[in-house]
């Protein structure tokens, strides 16, 4: 079983990545702008390509443009390792709980080309 690895978009507060690392210290979580991750200001397409190449599930709150970029990415024959879209009213605690569930209860291959909205339960 391969566990999910994550990339947190820069539109998501870095406190989410830090909180996820604290709750699950063995999980691989990068935040845009961290070493080994895309630079701040990288385009949605660049983030999707990085996640595809690195087998990382993308966590974003960019509901305005990311869904179109995901659709275009997949239409071009590319793939995602999943995109988790954070809803506008989601609390940090809810999202962290959901990410822990994703990490502990699923395999990375279950998220291929899936776009899912968080929180899982409201």
Protein backbone atom coordinates (compact mmCIF):
# COMPACT_ATOMS: atom_id res chain seq x y z
CA UNK A 1 0.00 0.00 0.00
CA UNK A 2 1.36 3.42 -0.97
CA UNK A 3 0.42 6.30 1.27
CA UNK A 4 -0.60 9.68 -0.07
CA UNK A 5 1.95 12.44 -0.28
CA UNK A 6 0.76 16.04 -0.37
CA UNK A 7 1.49 19.45 -1.84
CA UNK A 8 -0.27 22.39 -0.19
CA UNK A 9 -0.98 25.29 -2.56
CA UNK A 10 0.21 28.75 -1.55
CA UNK A 11 -3.41 29.97 -1.33
CA UNK A 12 -3.74 27.68 1.70
CA UNK A 13 -2.16 28.95 4.92
CA UNK A 14 1.14 27.28 5.76
CA UNK A 15 -0.37 26.48 9.17
CA UNK A 16 -2.26 23.65 7.45
CA UNK A 17 0.96 22.00 6.30
CA UNK A 18 2.54 22.52 9.73
CA UNK A 19 -0.53 21.12 11.48
CA UNK A 20 -0.60 18.09 9.21
CA UNK A 21 3.10 17.42 9.87
CA UNK A 22 2.50 17.67 13.64
CA UNK A 23 -0.43 15.24 13.58
CA UNK A 24 1.23 12.77 11.23
CA UNK A 25 4.99 13.34 11.39
CA UNK A 26 5.74 10.53 8.91
CA UNK A 27 3.62 12.04 6.13
CA UNK A 28 5.33 13.83 3.24
CA UNK A 29 3.81 17.31 3.05
CA UNK A 30 5.29 20.14 1.01
CA UNK A 31 4.00 23.71 0.84
CA UNK A 32 4.47 25.77 -2.31
CA UNK A 33 7.61 27.83 -1.76
CA UNK A 34 9.30 25.19 0.41
CA UNK A 35 12.60 23.76 -0.79
CA UNK A 36 11.95 20.89 -3.22
CA UNK A 37 8.50 22.29 -4.10
CA UNK A 38 7.28 24.69 -6.79
CA UNK A 39 8.11 28.35 -6.30
CA UNK A 40 5.54 30.80 -4.99
CA UNK A 41 3.65 32.24 -7.94
CA UNK A 42 3.84 28.99 -9.94
CA UNK A 43 0.89 28.55 -12.28
CA UNK A 44 -1.87 26.03 -11.65
CA UNK A 45 -0.54 24.03 -14.61
CA UNK A 46 2.94 23.93 -13.08
CA UNK A 47 1.50 22.72 -9.77
CA UNK A 48 -0.47 19.97 -11.49
CA UNK A 49 2.58 18.84 -13.46
CA UNK A 50 4.72 18.81 -10.32
CA UNK A 51 2.10 16.77 -8.46
CA UNK A 52 1.77 14.35 -11.35
CA UNK A 53 5.53 13.83 -11.57
CA UNK A 54 5.98 13.56 -7.80
CA UNK A 55 2.83 11.49 -7.15
CA UNK A 56 1.43 14.12 -4.79
CA UNK A 57 -2.13 14.94 -3.94
CA UNK A 58 -2.71 18.70 -4.30
CA UNK A 59 -4.50 20.57 -1.51
CA UNK A 60 -5.87 23.91 -2.66
CA UNK A 61 -8.51 26.52 -1.91
CA UNK A 62 -8.30 28.01 -5.42
CA UNK A 63 -11.86 27.33 -6.49
CA UNK A 64 -11.81 30.13 -9.08
CA UNK A 65 -9.26 28.67 -11.53
CA UNK A 66 -8.01 25.27 -10.39
CA UNK A 67 -11.06 23.22 -11.47
CA UNK A 68 -10.66 24.42 -15.07
CA UNK A 69 -6.93 23.66 -15.00
CA UNK A 70 -7.58 20.17 -13.63
CA UNK A 71 -10.10 19.50 -16.40
CA UNK A 72 -7.69 20.76 -19.08
CA UNK A 73 -4.81 18.74 -17.57
CA UNK A 74 -6.83 15.51 -17.72
CA UNK A 75 -8.26 16.28 -21.19
CA UNK A 76 -4.67 16.49 -22.46
CA UNK A 77 -4.11 12.89 -21.38
CA UNK A 78 -2.29 13.84 -18.18
CA UNK A 79 -3.24 12.66 -14.71
CA UNK A 80 -3.48 13.96 -11.18
CA UNK A 81 -2.80 12.09 -7.97
CA UNK A 82 -5.89 13.82 -6.67
CA UNK A 83 -6.93 17.37 -5.92
CA UNK A 84 -8.56 18.24 -2.62
CA UNK A 85 -10.42 21.53 -2.82
CA UNK A 86 -10.99 23.27 0.52
CA UNK A 87 -14.45 24.80 0.86
CA UNK A 88 -14.87 28.46 1.85
CA UNK A 89 -16.31 27.72 5.30
CA UNK A 90 -14.03 24.83 6.24
CA UNK A 91 -12.18 25.19 9.52
CA UNK A 92 -8.52 24.29 9.87
CA UNK A 93 -9.47 21.55 12.33
CA UNK A 94 -11.99 19.99 9.94
CA UNK A 95 -9.51 19.99 7.08
CA UNK A 96 -6.74 18.51 9.23
CA UNK A 97 -9.09 15.76 10.43
CA UNK A 98 -10.03 14.99 6.82
CA UNK A 99 -6.41 14.93 5.64
CA UNK A 100 -5.51 12.53 8.43
CA UNK A 101 -8.39 10.31 7.34
CA UNK A 102 -7.26 10.46 3.71
CA UNK A 103 -3.73 9.54 4.74
CA UNK A 104 -4.64 6.76 7.15
CA UNK A 105 -7.54 5.14 5.31
CA UNK A 106 -6.72 5.36 1.60
CA UNK A 107 -3.99 4.54 -0.89
CA UNK A 108 -2.51 7.08 -3.26
CA UNK A 109 -3.88 5.27 -6.33
CA UNK A 110 -7.46 5.77 -5.11
CA UNK A 111 -7.12 9.50 -5.79
CA UNK A 112 -5.91 9.38 -9.41
CA UNK A 113 -7.85 12.00 -11.40
CA UNK A 114 -10.22 12.68 -8.49
CA UNK A 115 -11.29 16.20 -7.57
CA UNK A 116 -12.86 16.19 -4.11
CA UNK A 117 -14.17 18.95 -1.85
CA UNK A 118 -13.32 19.30 1.84
CA UNK A 119 -14.59 19.10 4.47
CA UNK A 120 -15.80 15.54 3.95
CA UNK A 121 -18.62 15.97 6.48
CA UNK A 122 -20.13 19.26 7.58
